[in-house]
């Protein structure tokens, strides 16, 4: 269970980062989205990429760290339960 949580966290991080690139491409191609997001005055596309991908990466990183910590706790609890079970026999 713990290893699955850790791997799922890494998958979420990669997915959110890729989603950030997809979202920034969508914002750059559609002027309505660009205006609604408040990027109408920004003429440099690299800055929009940095902002959108950075925010998506940050959200993905928070989810990844949360799942990784749950996974590490689950692994540690499993090891402790095995030790207690072994000692109680």
N, C-alpha and C. Protein backbone atom coordinates (compact mmCIF):
# COMPACT_ATOMS: atom_id res chain seq x y z
N UNK A 1 0.83 -1.19 0.00
CA UNK A 1 0.00 0.00 0.00
C UNK A 1 0.88 1.26 0.00
N UNK A 2 1.94 1.23 0.78
CA UNK A 2 2.79 2.42 0.88
C UNK A 2 3.52 2.73 -0.41
N UNK A 3 4.02 1.68 -1.06
CA UNK A 3 4.73 1.88 -2.32
C UNK A 3 3.79 2.41 -3.40
N UNK A 4 2.57 1.91 -3.39
CA UNK A 4 1.57 2.38 -4.35
C UNK A 4 1.29 3.87 -4.14
N UNK A 5 1.20 4.29 -2.90
CA UNK A 5 0.96 5.71 -2.61
C UNK A 5 2.12 6.58 -3.11
N UNK A 6 3.33 6.11 -2.91
CA UNK A 6 4.50 6.88 -3.35
C UNK A 6 4.51 7.00 -4.87
N UNK A 7 4.29 5.88 -5.56
CA UNK A 7 4.26 5.91 -7.02
C UNK A 7 3.10 6.74 -7.55
N UNK A 8 1.97 6.67 -6.88
CA UNK A 8 0.82 7.48 -7.28
C UNK A 8 1.12 8.97 -7.13
N UNK A 9 1.86 9.32 -6.09
CA UNK A 9 2.26 10.71 -5.90
C UNK A 9 3.15 11.20 -7.03
N UNK A 10 4.10 10.37 -7.45
CA UNK A 10 4.96 10.75 -8.58
C UNK A 10 4.16 10.87 -9.88
N UNK A 11 3.19 9.99 -10.06
CA UNK A 11 2.34 10.07 -11.25
C UNK A 11 1.53 11.36 -11.24
N UNK A 12 1.01 11.74 -10.09
CA UNK A 12 0.27 13.00 -9.98
C UNK A 12 1.16 14.19 -10.29
N UNK A 13 2.40 14.17 -9.82
CA UNK A 13 3.32 15.27 -10.08
C UNK A 13 3.58 15.40 -11.58
N UNK A 14 3.84 14.30 -12.24
CA UNK A 14 4.08 14.34 -13.68
C UNK A 14 2.83 14.76 -14.43
N UNK A 15 1.67 14.27 -14.00
CA UNK A 15 0.41 14.61 -14.67
C UNK A 15 0.07 16.09 -14.52
N UNK A 16 0.27 16.64 -13.33
CA UNK A 16 -0.03 18.06 -13.14
C UNK A 16 0.93 18.94 -13.92
N UNK A 17 2.19 18.54 -14.01
CA UNK A 17 3.16 19.32 -14.79
C UNK A 17 2.79 19.28 -16.27
N UNK A 18 2.44 18.11 -16.78
CA UNK A 18 2.00 18.00 -18.16
C UNK A 18 0.71 18.76 -18.40
N UNK A 19 -0.18 18.72 -17.42
CA UNK A 19 -1.42 19.50 -17.52
C UNK A 19 -1.15 21.00 -17.55
N UNK A 20 -0.10 21.43 -16.88
CA UNK A 20 0.28 22.83 -16.92
C UNK A 20 0.71 23.27 -18.30
N UNK A 21 1.47 22.42 -18.99
CA UNK A 21 1.85 22.73 -20.37
C UNK A 21 0.63 22.75 -21.28
N UNK A 22 -0.27 21.78 -21.09
CA UNK A 22 -1.49 21.75 -21.89
C UNK A 22 -2.34 22.99 -21.64
N UNK A 23 -2.48 23.37 -20.38
CA UNK A 23 -3.29 24.55 -20.04
C UNK A 23 -2.66 25.83 -20.56
N UNK A 24 -1.36 25.94 -20.49
CA UNK A 24 -0.72 27.16 -21.00
C UNK A 24 -0.83 27.24 -22.52
N UNK A 25 -0.76 26.13 -23.22
CA UNK A 25 -1.00 26.14 -24.67
C UNK A 25 -2.43 26.56 -24.98
N UNK A 26 -3.38 26.07 -24.18
CA UNK A 26 -4.78 26.44 -24.37
C UNK A 26 -5.00 27.92 -24.13
N UNK A 27 -4.35 28.47 -23.11
CA UNK A 27 -4.48 29.90 -22.81
C UNK A 27 -3.88 30.74 -23.93
N UNK A 28 -2.74 30.31 -24.45
CA UNK A 28 -2.08 31.10 -25.50
C UNK A 28 -2.84 31.09 -26.82
N UNK A 29 -3.55 30.01 -27.12
CA UNK A 29 -4.25 29.93 -28.40
C UNK A 29 -5.61 30.61 -28.37
N UNK A 30 -6.20 30.79 -27.21
CA UNK A 30 -7.53 31.36 -27.12
C UNK A 30 -7.46 32.71 -26.41
N UNK A 31 -7.87 33.75 -27.09
CA UNK A 31 -7.80 35.10 -26.50
C UNK A 31 -8.81 35.28 -25.37
N UNK A 32 -9.91 34.56 -25.42
CA UNK A 32 -10.90 34.67 -24.34
C UNK A 32 -10.32 34.14 -23.03
N UNK A 33 -9.68 32.98 -23.09
CA UNK A 33 -9.06 32.43 -21.89
C UNK A 33 -7.94 33.34 -21.40
N UNK A 34 -7.20 33.90 -22.34
CA UNK A 34 -6.10 34.79 -21.97
C UNK A 34 -6.62 36.02 -21.24
N UNK A 35 -7.75 36.56 -21.69
CA UNK A 35 -8.34 37.72 -21.04
C UNK A 35 -8.93 37.34 -19.68
N UNK A 36 -9.62 36.19 -19.61
CA UNK A 36 -10.23 35.77 -18.35
C UNK A 36 -9.19 35.46 -17.28
N UNK A 37 -8.06 34.94 -17.67
CA UNK A 37 -7.00 34.63 -16.71
C UNK A 37 -6.20 35.86 -16.30
N UNK A 38 -6.39 36.95 -16.99
CA UNK A 38 -5.67 38.18 -16.66
C UNK A 38 -4.32 38.29 -17.32
N UNK A 39 -4.10 37.51 -18.37
CA UNK A 39 -2.83 37.52 -19.07
C UNK A 39 -2.90 38.36 -20.35
N UNK A 40 -3.89 39.20 -20.50
CA UNK A 40 -4.07 39.95 -21.75
C UNK A 40 -2.93 40.95 -21.97
N UNK A 41 -2.36 41.50 -20.92
CA UNK A 41 -1.30 42.50 -21.06
C UNK A 41 0.08 41.88 -21.22
N UNK A 42 0.18 40.57 -20.98
CA UNK A 42 1.48 39.91 -21.09
C UNK A 42 1.69 39.49 -22.54
N UNK A 43 2.74 40.00 -23.15
CA UNK A 43 3.00 39.67 -24.55
C UNK A 43 4.00 38.54 -24.71
N UNK A 44 4.78 38.26 -23.68
CA UNK A 44 5.79 37.20 -23.76
C UNK A 44 5.16 35.86 -23.40
N UNK A 45 5.20 34.92 -24.32
CA UNK A 45 4.58 33.61 -24.09
C UNK A 45 5.35 32.81 -23.04
N UNK A 46 6.67 33.04 -22.94
CA UNK A 46 7.47 32.29 -21.97
C UNK A 46 7.03 32.60 -20.54
N UNK A 47 6.65 33.84 -20.29
CA UNK A 47 6.20 34.21 -18.95
C UNK A 47 4.90 33.50 -18.58
N UNK A 48 4.00 33.37 -19.55
CA UNK A 48 2.75 32.64 -19.29
C UNK A 48 3.05 31.18 -19.02
N UNK A 49 3.97 30.60 -19.81
CA UNK A 49 4.36 29.21 -19.55
C UNK A 49 4.94 29.05 -18.15
N UNK A 50 5.80 29.95 -17.75
CA UNK A 50 6.44 29.85 -16.44
C UNK A 50 5.40 29.95 -15.32
N UNK A 51 4.47 30.88 -15.45
CA UNK A 51 3.46 31.08 -14.40
C UNK A 51 2.54 29.88 -14.30
N UNK A 52 1.97 29.46 -15.43
CA UNK A 52 0.97 28.38 -15.41
C UNK A 52 1.60 27.04 -15.06
N UNK A 53 2.72 26.71 -15.69
CA UNK A 53 3.37 25.44 -15.39
C UNK A 53 3.91 25.44 -13.96
N UNK A 54 4.39 26.58 -13.50
CA UNK A 54 4.87 26.68 -12.12
C UNK A 54 3.77 26.44 -11.10
N UNK A 55 2.62 27.03 -11.33
CA UNK A 55 1.49 26.81 -10.42
C UNK A 55 1.01 25.36 -10.44
N UNK A 56 0.91 24.80 -11.62
CA UNK A 56 0.49 23.39 -11.72
C UNK A 56 1.52 22.47 -11.09
N UNK A 57 2.80 22.76 -11.28
CA UNK A 57 3.85 21.96 -10.65
C UNK A 57 3.77 22.06 -9.13
N UNK A 58 3.52 23.25 -8.61
CA UNK A 58 3.42 23.43 -7.16
C UNK A 58 2.25 22.63 -6.59
N UNK A 59 1.11 22.67 -7.25
CA UNK A 59 -0.04 21.89 -6.79
C UNK A 59 0.28 20.40 -6.85
N UNK A 60 0.88 19.97 -7.95
CA UNK A 60 1.27 18.56 -8.07
C UNK A 60 2.29 18.16 -7.04
N UNK A 61 3.23 19.05 -6.72
CA UNK A 61 4.24 18.75 -5.71
C UNK A 61 3.61 18.59 -4.33
N UNK A 62 2.65 19.42 -4.01
CA UNK A 62 1.98 19.29 -2.71
C UNK A 62 1.23 17.97 -2.60
N UNK A 63 0.55 17.59 -3.66
CA UNK A 63 -0.16 16.30 -3.66
C UNK A 63 0.83 15.15 -3.60
N UNK A 64 1.93 15.27 -4.35
CA UNK A 64 2.96 14.23 -4.36
C UNK A 64 3.57 14.06 -2.97
N UNK A 65 3.90 15.14 -2.32
CA UNK A 65 4.49 15.04 -0.98
C UNK A 65 3.51 14.45 0.02
N UNK A 66 2.24 14.82 -0.10
CA UNK A 66 1.22 14.27 0.79
C UNK A 66 1.12 12.76 0.61
N UNK A 67 1.03 12.30 -0.64
CA UNK A 67 0.93 10.87 -0.88
C UNK A 67 2.21 10.13 -0.49
N UNK A 68 3.36 10.75 -0.73
CA UNK A 68 4.62 10.11 -0.36
C UNK A 68 4.73 9.95 1.16
N UNK A 69 4.31 10.95 1.91
CA UNK A 69 4.36 10.85 3.37
C UNK A 69 3.39 9.78 3.88
N UNK A 70 2.21 9.70 3.25
CA UNK A 70 1.27 8.64 3.63
C UNK A 70 1.87 7.27 3.33
N UNK A 71 2.55 7.16 2.19
CA UNK A 71 3.18 5.90 1.83
C UNK A 71 4.29 5.51 2.78
N UNK A 72 5.13 6.48 3.15
CA UNK A 72 6.21 6.19 4.09
C UNK A 72 5.67 5.80 5.46
N UNK A 73 4.61 6.48 5.90
CA UNK A 73 3.99 6.12 7.18
C UNK A 73 3.39 4.73 7.13
N UNK A 74 2.76 4.40 6.02
CA UNK A 74 2.16 3.07 5.87
C UNK A 74 3.23 1.98 5.89
N UNK A 75 4.35 2.22 5.21
CA UNK A 75 5.44 1.25 5.22
C UNK A 75 6.01 1.06 6.63
N UNK A 76 6.17 2.16 7.35
CA UNK A 76 6.73 2.09 8.70
C UNK A 76 5.77 1.36 9.65
N UNK A 77 4.48 1.66 9.53
CA UNK A 77 3.49 1.00 10.39
C UNK A 77 3.44 -0.49 10.09
N UNK A 78 3.55 -0.87 8.83
CA UNK A 78 3.55 -2.29 8.46
C UNK A 78 4.75 -3.01 9.07
N UNK A 79 5.91 -2.37 9.04
CA UNK A 79 7.10 -2.98 9.64
C UNK A 79 6.96 -3.11 11.15
N UNK A 80 6.38 -2.09 11.79
CA UNK A 80 6.19 -2.15 13.24
C UNK A 80 5.18 -3.23 13.62
N UNK A 81 4.12 -3.37 12.83
CA UNK A 81 3.14 -4.42 13.10
C UNK A 81 3.76 -5.80 12.95
N UNK A 82 4.64 -5.97 11.95
CA UNK A 82 5.31 -7.25 11.78
C UNK A 82 6.23 -7.54 12.95
N UNK A 83 6.93 -6.53 13.47
CA UNK A 83 7.79 -6.74 14.63
C UNK A 83 6.99 -7.10 15.86
N UNK A 84 5.88 -6.43 16.08
CA UNK A 84 5.04 -6.72 17.24
C UNK A 84 4.46 -8.12 17.14
N UNK A 85 4.06 -8.51 15.95
CA UNK A 85 3.52 -9.84 15.75
C UNK A 85 4.58 -10.91 16.00
N UNK A 86 5.81 -10.64 15.55
CA UNK A 86 6.89 -11.58 15.75
C UNK A 86 7.26 -11.69 17.23
N UNK A 87 7.24 -10.58 17.96
CA UNK A 87 7.61 -10.59 19.37
C UNK A 87 6.52 -11.18 20.27
N UNK A 88 5.28 -11.12 19.82
CA UNK A 88 4.20 -11.61 20.67
C UNK A 88 4.08 -13.13 20.61
N UNK A 89 4.78 -13.80 19.70
CA UNK A 89 4.70 -15.27 19.61
C UNK A 89 5.61 -15.93 20.56
